[in-house]
Amino acid sequence: LRGLKELGVQRLMLEGGGRVLGSFFAADLVDLAQVFTAPLVLGDPEARGAIHGPPLARLAQARRLEFLEHRSLGSDRFDSLRVLR
């Protein structure tokens, strides 16, 4: 990330697993989240969430987001959310 900053990169699209996304949220490096959701129930007891992070002691510690856009894409849904600070 430092190397990208030195090159003048100011925006980065991040698509990774739950641990990668969780580490960026934990480091307060996310400004905007764009989420695609499909209406599917997988029912896998071993399934992991989309974003991994340390457990919260209180709900008040949760990262807050503000919906900016909602859109249907066929049977899927697209949401654009801003991270509140």
PDB file of N, CA and C in Angstrom:
ATOM      1  N   LEU A   1       0.816  -1.195   0.000  1.00  0.00           N
ATOM      2  CA  LEU A   1       0.000   0.000   0.000  1.00  0.00           C
ATOM      3  C   LEU A   1       0.859   1.258   0.000  1.00  0.00           C
ATOM      4  N   ARG A   2       1.965   1.216   0.734  1.00  0.00           N
ATOM      5  CA  ARG A   2       2.850   2.388   0.732  1.00  0.00           C
ATOM      6  C   ARG A   2       3.393   2.649  -0.667  1.00  0.00           C
ATOM      7  N   GLY A   3       3.762   1.575  -1.374  1.00  0.00           N
ATOM      8  CA  GLY A   3       4.273   1.711  -2.730  1.00  0.00           C
ATOM      9  C   GLY A   3       3.235   2.308  -3.661  1.00  0.00           C
ATOM     10  N   LEU A   4       1.992   1.905  -3.512  1.00  0.00           N
ATOM     11  CA  LEU A   4       0.921   2.473  -4.334  1.00  0.00           C
ATOM     12  C   LEU A   4       0.737   3.955  -4.021  1.00  0.00           C
ATOM     13  N   LYS A   5       0.823   4.304  -2.742  1.00  0.00           N
ATOM     14  CA  LYS A   5       0.700   5.713  -2.351  1.00  0.00           C
ATOM     15  C   LYS A   5       1.822   6.539  -2.971  1.00  0.00           C
ATOM     16  N   GLU A   6       3.033   6.000  -2.953  1.00  0.00           N
ATOM     17  CA  GLU A   6       4.173   6.702  -3.548  1.00  0.00           C
ATOM     18  C   GLU A   6       3.995   6.901  -5.051  1.00  0.00           C
ATOM     19  N   LEU A   7       3.255   6.008  -5.691  1.00  0.00           N
ATOM     20  CA  LEU A   7       2.966   6.136  -7.121  1.00  0.00           C
ATOM     21  C   LEU A   7       1.794   7.079  -7.395  1.00  0.00           C
ATOM     22  N   GLY A   8       1.187   7.603  -6.348  1.00  0.00           N
ATOM     23  CA  GLY A   8       0.083   8.542  -6.510  1.00  0.00           C
ATOM     24  C   GLY A   8      -1.288   7.892  -6.579  1.00  0.00           C
ATOM     25  N   VAL A   9      -1.377   6.595  -6.296  1.00  0.00           N
ATOM     26  CA  VAL A   9      -2.661   5.915  -6.322  1.00  0.00           C
ATOM     27  C   VAL A   9      -3.494   6.381  -5.129  1.00  0.00           C
ATOM     28  N   GLN A  10      -4.699   6.877  -5.409  1.00  0.00           N
ATOM     29  CA  GLN A  10      -5.574   7.362  -4.342  1.00  0.00           C
ATOM     30  C   GLN A  10      -6.800   6.490  -4.146  1.00  0.00           C
ATOM     31  N   ARG A  11      -7.078   5.629  -5.121  1.00  0.00           N
ATOM     32  CA  ARG A  11      -8.231   4.735  -5.023  1.00  0.00           C
ATOM     33  C   ARG A  11      -7.796   3.325  -5.366  1.00  0.00           C
ATOM     34  N   LEU A  12      -8.360   2.383  -4.653  1.00  0.00           N
ATOM     35  CA  LEU A  12      -8.022   0.981  -4.858  1.00  0.00           C
ATOM     36  C   LEU A  12      -9.287   0.153  -4.720  1.00  0.00           C
ATOM     37  N   MET A  13      -9.556  -0.687  -5.709  1.00  0.00           N
ATOM     38  CA  MET A  13     -10.666  -1.615  -5.590  1.00  0.00           C
ATOM     39  C   MET A  13     -10.127  -2.894  -4.963  1.00  0.00           C
ATOM     40  N   LEU A  14     -10.725  -3.287  -3.874  1.00  0.00           N
ATOM     41  CA  LEU A  14     -10.274  -4.465  -3.137  1.00  0.00           C
ATOM     42  C   LEU A  14     -11.313  -5.557  -3.264  1.00  0.00           C
ATOM     43  N   GLU A  15     -10.899  -6.684  -3.758  1.00  0.00           N
ATOM     44  CA  GLU A  15     -11.770  -7.851  -3.816  1.00  0.00           C
ATOM     45  C   GLU A  15     -10.968  -9.006  -3.241  1.00  0.00           C
ATOM     46  N   GLY A  16     -11.340  -9.417  -2.072  1.00  0.00           N
ATOM     47  CA  GLY A  16     -10.568 -10.472  -1.430  1.00  0.00           C
ATOM     48  C   GLY A  16     -11.446 -11.312  -0.544  1.00  0.00           C
ATOM     49  N   GLY A  17     -10.831 -12.217   0.144  1.00  0.00           N
ATOM     50  CA  GLY A  17     -11.557 -13.047   1.084  1.00  0.00           C
ATOM     51  C   GLY A  17     -11.894 -12.279   2.350  1.00  0.00           C
ATOM     52  N   GLY A  18     -12.617 -12.939   3.233  1.00  0.00           N
ATOM     53  CA  GLY A  18     -13.074 -12.293   4.456  1.00  0.00           C
ATOM     54  C   GLY A  18     -11.967 -11.765   5.339  1.00  0.00           C
ATOM     55  N   ARG A  19     -10.829 -12.453   5.381  1.00  0.00           N
ATOM     56  CA  ARG A  19      -9.720 -11.980   6.214  1.00  0.00           C
ATOM     57  C   ARG A  19      -9.085 -10.720   5.630  1.00  0.00           C
ATOM     58  N   VAL A  20      -8.917 -10.697   4.323  1.00  0.00           N
ATOM     59  CA  VAL A  20      -8.338  -9.503   3.675  1.00  0.00           C
ATOM     60  C   VAL A  20      -9.265  -8.313   3.899  1.00  0.00           C
ATOM     61  N   LEU A  21     -10.557  -8.502   3.636  1.00  0.00           N
ATOM     62  CA  LEU A  21     -11.509  -7.408   3.832  1.00  0.00           C
ATOM     63  C   LEU A  21     -11.546  -6.966   5.286  1.00  0.00           C
ATOM     64  N   GLY A  22     -11.547  -7.934   6.204  1.00  0.00           N
ATOM     65  CA  GLY A  22     -11.559  -7.597   7.627  1.00  0.00           C
ATOM     66  C   GLY A  22     -10.345  -6.801   8.051  1.00  0.00           C
ATOM     67  N   SER A  23      -9.178  -7.131   7.490  1.00  0.00           N
ATOM     68  CA  SER A  23      -7.961  -6.395   7.870  1.00  0.00           C
ATOM     69  C   SER A  23      -8.014  -4.952   7.366  1.00  0.00           C
ATOM     70  N   PHE A  24      -8.593  -4.728   6.197  1.00  0.00           N
ATOM     71  CA  PHE A  24      -8.726  -3.358   5.692  1.00  0.00           C
ATOM     72  C   PHE A  24      -9.727  -2.564   6.528  1.00  0.00           C
ATOM     73  N   PHE A  25     -10.844  -3.203   6.922  1.00  0.00           N
ATOM     74  CA  PHE A  25     -11.796  -2.518   7.803  1.00  0.00           C
ATOM     75  C   PHE A  25     -11.151  -2.218   9.149  1.00  0.00           C
ATOM     76  N   ALA A  26     -10.422  -3.174   9.707  1.00  0.00           N
ATOM     77  CA  ALA A  26      -9.790  -2.987  11.013  1.00  0.00           C
ATOM     78  C   ALA A  26      -8.759  -1.862  10.986  1.00  0.00           C
ATOM     79  N   ALA A  27      -8.084  -1.686   9.843  1.00  0.00           N
ATOM     80  CA  ALA A  27      -7.086  -0.626   9.708  1.00  0.00           C
ATOM     81  C   ALA A  27      -7.717   0.695   9.283  1.00  0.00           C
ATOM     82  N   ASP A  28      -9.040   0.753   9.218  1.00  0.00           N
ATOM     83  CA  ASP A  28      -9.778   1.966   8.847  1.00  0.00           C
ATOM     84  C   ASP A  28      -9.370   2.465   7.457  1.00  0.00           C
ATOM     85  N   LEU A  29      -9.234   1.527   6.512  1.00  0.00           N
ATOM     86  CA  LEU A  29      -8.816   1.865   5.152  1.00  0.00           C
ATOM     87  C   LEU A  29      -9.946   1.741   4.135  1.00  0.00           C
ATOM     88  N   VAL A  30     -11.173   1.546   4.613  1.00  0.00           N
ATOM     89  CA  VAL A  30     -12.315   1.405   3.701  1.00  0.00           C
ATOM     90  C   VAL A  30     -13.190   2.639   3.808  1.00  0.00           C
ATOM     91  N   ASP A  31     -13.477   3.247   2.654  1.00  0.00           N
ATOM     92  CA  ASP A  31     -14.377   4.401   2.598  1.00  0.00           C
ATOM     93  C   ASP A  31     -15.730   4.035   2.008  1.00  0.00           C
ATOM     94  N   LEU A  32     -15.724   3.081   1.068  1.00  0.00           N
ATOM     95  CA  LEU A  32     -16.930   2.725   0.328  1.00  0.00           C
ATOM     96  C   LEU A  32     -16.977   1.221   0.139  1.00  0.00           C
ATOM     97  N   ALA A  33     -18.130   0.631   0.374  1.00  0.00           N
ATOM     98  CA  ALA A  33     -18.325  -0.797   0.136  1.00  0.00           C
ATOM     99  C   ALA A  33     -19.405  -0.963  -0.926  1.00  0.00           C
ATOM    100  N   GLN A  34     -19.121  -1.770  -1.915  1.00  0.00           N
ATOM    101  CA  GLN A  34     -20.104  -2.090  -2.942  1.00  0.00           C
ATOM    102  C   GLN A  34     -20.344  -3.585  -2.868  1.00  0.00           C
ATOM    103  N   VAL A  35     -21.578  -3.956  -2.560  1.00  0.00           N
ATOM    104  CA  VAL A  35     -21.906  -5.325  -2.212  1.00  0.00           C
ATOM    105  C   VAL A  35     -22.946  -5.877  -3.183  1.00  0.00           C
ATOM    106  N   PHE A  36     -22.649  -7.050  -3.723  1.00  0.00           N
ATOM    107  CA  PHE A  36     -23.595  -7.769  -4.567  1.00  0.00           C
ATOM    108  C   PHE A  36     -24.112  -8.954  -3.767  1.00  0.00           C
ATOM    109  N   THR A  37     -25.429  -9.114  -3.706  1.00  0.00           N
ATOM    110  CA  THR A  37     -26.048 -10.181  -2.943  1.00  0.00           C
ATOM    111  C   THR A  37     -26.977 -10.978  -3.848  1.00  0.00           C
ATOM    112  N   ALA A  38     -26.877 -12.294  -3.763  1.00  0.00           N
ATOM    113  CA  ALA A  38     -27.773 -13.179  -4.500  1.00  0.00           C
ATOM    114  C   ALA A  38     -28.755 -13.804  -3.519  1.00  0.00           C
ATOM    115  N   PRO A  39     -29.997 -13.984  -3.919  1.00  0.00           N
ATOM    116  CA  PRO A  39     -30.997 -14.561  -3.015  1.00  0.00           C
ATOM    117  C   PRO A  39     -30.860 -16.081  -2.929  1.00  0.00           C
ATOM    118  N   LEU A  40     -29.800 -16.514  -2.263  1.00  0.00           N
ATOM    119  CA  LEU A  40     -29.508 -17.934  -2.118  1.00  0.00           C
ATOM    120  C   LEU A  40     -29.281 -18.264  -0.652  1.00  0.00           C
ATOM    121  N   VAL A  41     -29.728 -19.408  -0.238  1.00  0.00           N
ATOM    122  CA  VAL A  41     -29.428 -19.926   1.096  1.00  0.00           C
ATOM    123  C   VAL A  41     -28.567 -21.156   0.896  1.00  0.00           C
ATOM    124  N   LEU A  42     -27.317 -21.082   1.316  1.00  0.00           N
ATOM    125  CA  LEU A  42     -26.390 -22.181   1.100  1.00  0.00           C
ATOM    126  C   LEU A  42     -26.467 -23.226   2.204  1.00  0.00           C
ATOM    127  N   GLY A  43     -26.755 -22.794   3.422  1.00  0.00           N
ATOM    128  CA  GLY A  43     -26.938 -23.725   4.527  1.00  0.00           C
ATOM    129  C   GLY A  43     -25.689 -24.490   4.932  1.00  0.00           C
ATOM    130  N   ASP A  44     -24.523 -23.944   4.699  1.00  0.00           N
ATOM    131  CA  ASP A  44     -23.273 -24.620   5.041  1.00  0.00           C
ATOM    132  C   ASP A  44     -22.864 -24.221   6.454  1.00  0.00           C
ATOM    133  N   PRO A  45     -22.827 -25.160   7.409  1.00  0.00           N
ATOM    134  CA  PRO A  45     -22.460 -24.796   8.781  1.00  0.00           C
ATOM    135  C   PRO A  45     -21.002 -24.338   8.898  1.00  0.00           C
ATOM    136  N   GLU A  46     -20.182 -24.621   7.902  1.00  0.00           N
ATOM    137  CA  GLU A  46     -18.783 -24.202   7.921  1.00  0.00           C
ATOM    138  C   GLU A  46     -18.567 -22.897   7.163  1.00  0.00           C
ATOM    139  N   ALA A  47     -19.624 -22.325   6.608  1.00  0.00           N
ATOM    140  CA  ALA A  47     -19.492 -21.108   5.801  1.00  0.00           C
ATOM    141  C   ALA A  47     -18.978 -19.953   6.656  1.00  0.00           C
ATOM    142  N   ARG A  48     -18.136 -19.134   6.040  1.00  0.00           N
ATOM    143  CA  ARG A  48     -17.595 -17.966   6.725  1.00  0.00           C
ATOM    144  C   ARG A  48     -18.292 -16.714   6.222  1.00  0.00           C
ATOM    145  N   GLY A  49     -18.313 -15.718   7.054  1.00  0.00           N
ATOM    146  CA  GLY A  49     -18.898 -14.447   6.662  1.00  0.00           C
ATOM    147  C   GLY A  49     -18.031 -13.738   5.626  1.00  0.00           C
ATOM    148  N   ALA A  50     -18.585 -12.741   5.003  1.00  0.00           N
ATOM    149  CA  ALA A  50     -17.871 -12.010   3.960  1.00  0.00           C
ATOM    150  C   ALA A  50     -16.717 -11.184   4.521  1.00  0.00           C
ATOM    151  N   ILE A  51     -16.827 -10.760   5.776  1.00  0.00           N
ATOM    152  CA  ILE A  51     -15.786  -9.927   6.389  1.00  0.00           C
ATOM    153  C   ILE A  51     -15.446 -10.508   7.754  1.00  0.00           C
ATOM    154  N   HIS A  52     -14.181 -10.867   7.942  1.00  0.00           N
ATOM    155  CA  HIS A  52     -13.711 -11.398   9.221  1.00  0.00           C
ATOM    156  C   HIS A  52     -13.027 -10.286  10.002  1.00  0.00           C
ATOM    157  N   GLY A  53     -13.261 -10.258  11.257  1.00  0.00           N
ATOM    158  CA  GLY A  53     -12.595  -9.289  12.110  1.00  0.00           C
ATOM    159  C   GLY A  53     -12.600  -9.798  13.534  1.00  0.00           C
ATOM    160  N   PRO A  54     -11.973  -9.061  14.414  1.00  0.00           N
ATOM    161  CA  PRO A  54     -11.976  -9.482  15.807  1.00  0.00           C
ATOM    162  C   PRO A  54     -13.391  -9.418  16.374  1.00  0.00           C
ATOM    163  N   PRO A  55     -13.717 -10.294  17.306  1.00  0.00           N
ATOM    164  CA  PRO A  55     -15.048 -10.255  17.908  1.00  0.00           C
ATOM    165  C   PRO A  55     -15.269  -8.943  18.656  1.00  0.00           C
ATOM    166  N   LEU A  56     -16.495  -8.491  18.652  1.00  0.00           N
ATOM    167  CA  LEU A  56     -16.839  -7.243  19.332  1.00  0.00           C
ATOM    168  C   LEU A  56     -17.388  -7.547  20.718  1.00  0.00           C
ATOM    169  N   ALA A  57     -16.987  -6.759  21.680  1.00  0.00           N
ATOM    170  CA  ALA A  57     -17.504  -6.918  23.041  1.00  0.00           C
ATOM    171  C   ALA A  57     -18.910  -6.317  23.146  1.00  0.00           C
ATOM    172  N   ARG A  58     -19.152  -5.262  22.336  1.00  0.00           N
ATOM    173  CA  ARG A  58     -20.447  -4.576  22.373  1.00  0.00           C
ATOM    174  C   ARG A  58     -20.861  -4.225  20.950  1.00  0.00           C
ATOM    175  N   LEU A  59     -22.145  -4.215  20.700  1.00  0.00           N
ATOM    176  CA  LEU A  59     -22.672  -3.855  19.387  1.00  0.00           C
ATOM    177  C   LEU A  59     -22.273  -2.430  19.002  1.00  0.00           C
ATOM    178  N   ALA A  60     -22.105  -1.570  19.993  1.00  0.00           N
ATOM    179  CA  ALA A  60     -21.725  -0.178  19.735  1.00  0.00           C
ATOM    180  C   ALA A  60     -20.359  -0.071  19.054  1.00  0.00           C
ATOM    181  N   GLN A  61     -19.555  -1.137  19.103  1.00  0.00           N
ATOM    182  CA  GLN A  61     -18.238  -1.125  18.467  1.00  0.00           C
ATOM    183  C   GLN A  61     -18.311  -1.455  16.972  1.00  0.00           C
ATOM    184  N   ALA A  62     -19.470  -1.852  16.499  1.00  0.00           N
ATOM    185  CA  ALA A  62     -19.616  -2.259  15.100  1.00  0.00           C
ATOM    186  C   ALA A  62     -19.376  -1.077  14.159  1.00  0.00           C
ATOM    187  N   ARG A  63     -18.797  -1.363  13.032  1.00  0.00           N
ATOM    188  CA  ARG A  63     -18.570  -0.345  12.003  1.00  0.00           C
ATOM    189  C   ARG A  63     -19.923   0.034  11.410  1.00  0.00           C
ATOM    190  N   ARG A  64     -20.197   1.323  11.328  1.00  0.00           N
ATOM    191  CA  ARG A  64     -21.471   1.817  10.804  1.00  0.00           C
ATOM    192  C   ARG A  64     -21.319   2.189   9.334  1.00  0.00           C
ATOM    193  N   LEU A  65     -22.347   1.864   8.554  1.00  0.00           N
ATOM    194  CA  LEU A  65     -22.368   2.157   7.128  1.00  0.00           C
ATOM    195  C   LEU A  65     -23.646   2.922   6.801  1.00  0.00           C
ATOM    196  N   GLU A  66     -23.586   3.710   5.744  1.00  0.00           N
ATOM    197  CA  GLU A  66     -24.752   4.452   5.279  1.00  0.00           C
ATOM    198  C   GLU A  66     -25.050   4.034   3.842  1.00  0.00           C
ATOM    199  N   PHE A  67     -26.287   3.611   3.582  1.00  0.00           N
ATOM    200  CA  PHE A  67     -26.672   3.236   2.228  1.00  0.00           C
ATOM    201  C   PHE A  67     -26.662   4.457   1.325  1.00  0.00           C
ATOM    202  N   LEU A  68     -25.992   4.338   0.183  1.00  0.00           N
ATOM    203  CA  LEU A  68     -25.979   5.396  -0.818  1.00  0.00           C
ATOM    204  C   LEU A  68     -26.830   5.032  -2.028  1.00  0.00           C
ATOM    205  N   GLU A  69     -26.858   3.741  -2.368  1.00  0.00           N
ATOM    206  CA  GLU A  69     -27.567   3.298  -3.564  1.00  0.00           C
ATOM    207  C   GLU A  69     -28.019   1.857  -3.388  1.00  0.00           C
ATOM    208  N   HIS A  70     -29.217   1.565  -3.869  1.00  0.00           N
ATOM    209  CA  HIS A  70     -29.755   0.201  -3.915  1.00  0.00           C
ATOM    210  C   HIS A  70     -30.209  -0.033  -5.349  1.00  0.00           C
ATOM    211  N   ARG A  71     -29.882  -1.183  -5.886  1.00  0.00           N
ATOM    212  CA  ARG A  71     -30.297  -1.464  -7.254  1.00  0.00           C
ATOM    213  C   ARG A  71     -30.514  -2.966  -7.422  1.00  0.00           C
ATOM    214  N   SER A  72     -31.557  -3.327  -8.165  1.00  0.00           N
ATOM    215  CA  SER A  72     -31.773  -4.728  -8.519  1.00  0.00           C
ATOM    216  C   SER A  72     -31.074  -5.009  -9.830  1.00  0.00           C
ATOM    217  N   LEU A  73     -30.392  -6.143  -9.883  1.00  0.00           N
ATOM    218  CA  LEU A  73     -29.731  -6.605 -11.103  1.00  0.00           C
ATOM    219  C   LEU A  73     -30.268  -8.000 -11.390  1.00  0.00           C
ATOM    220  N   GLY A  74     -31.352  -8.064 -12.130  1.00  0.00           N
ATOM    221  CA  GLY A  74     -32.032  -9.338 -12.303  1.00  0.00           C
ATOM    222  C   GLY A  74     -32.585  -9.751 -10.952  1.00  0.00           C
ATOM    223  N   SER A  75     -32.252 -10.960 -10.504  1.00  0.00           N
ATOM    224  CA  SER A  75     -32.707 -11.399  -9.182  1.00  0.00           C
ATOM    225  C   SER A  75     -31.706 -11.044  -8.087  1.00  0.00           C
ATOM    226  N   ASP A  76     -30.558 -10.491  -8.455  1.00  0.00           N
ATOM    227  CA  ASP A  76     -29.534 -10.092  -7.479  1.00  0.00           C
ATOM    228  C   ASP A  76     -29.758  -8.652  -7.035  1.00  0.00           C
ATOM    229  N   ARG A  77     -29.005  -8.253  -6.013  1.00  0.00           N
ATOM    230  CA  ARG A  77     -29.109  -6.896  -5.482  1.00  0.00           C
ATOM    231  C   ARG A  77     -27.717  -6.293  -5.384  1.00  0.00           C
ATOM    232  N   PHE A  78     -27.632  -5.005  -5.682  1.00  0.00           N
ATOM    233  CA  PHE A  78     -26.393  -4.245  -5.549  1.00  0.00           C
ATOM    234  C   PHE A  78     -26.633  -3.134  -4.547  1.00  0.00           C
ATOM    235  N   ASP A  79     -25.742  -2.996  -3.580  1.00  0.00           N
ATOM    236  CA  ASP A  79     -25.802  -1.916  -2.601  1.00  0.00           C
ATOM    237  C   ASP A  79     -24.462  -1.201  -2.568  1.00  0.00           C
ATOM    238  N   SER A  80     -24.518   0.103  -2.530  1.00  0.00           N
ATOM    239  CA  SER A  80     -23.322   0.922  -2.351  1.00  0.00           C
ATOM    240  C   SER A  80     -23.462   1.592  -0.981  1.00  0.00           C
ATOM    241  N   LEU A  81     -22.429   1.438  -0.143  1.00  0.00           N
ATOM    242  CA  LEU A  81     -22.504   1.936   1.236  1.00  0.00           C
ATOM    243  C   LEU A  81     -21.254   2.724   1.590  1.00  0.00           C
ATOM    244  N   ARG A  82     -21.426   3.828   2.267  1.00  0.00           N
ATOM    245  CA  ARG A  82     -20.311   4.646   2.730  1.00  0.00           C
ATOM    246  C   ARG A  82     -20.017   4.283   4.182  1.00  0.00           C
ATOM    247  N   VAL A  83     -18.740   4.157   4.492  1.00  0.00           N
ATOM    248  CA  VAL A  83     -18.321   3.876   5.869  1.00  0.00           C
ATOM    249  C   VAL A  83     -18.384   5.181   6.663  1.00  0.00           C
ATOM    250  N   LEU A  84     -19.109   5.163   7.763  1.00  0.00           N
ATOM    251  CA  LEU A  84     -19.232   6.355   8.610  1.00  0.00           C
ATOM    252  C   LEU A  84     -18.099   6.359   9.626  1.00  0.00           C
ATOM    253  N   ARG A  85     -17.604   7.539   9.894  1.00  0.00           N
ATOM    254  CA  ARG A  85     -16.519   7.681  10.870  1.00  0.00           C
ATOM    255  C   ARG A  85     -16.936   8.597  11.985  1.00  0.00           C
TER     256      ARG A  85
END
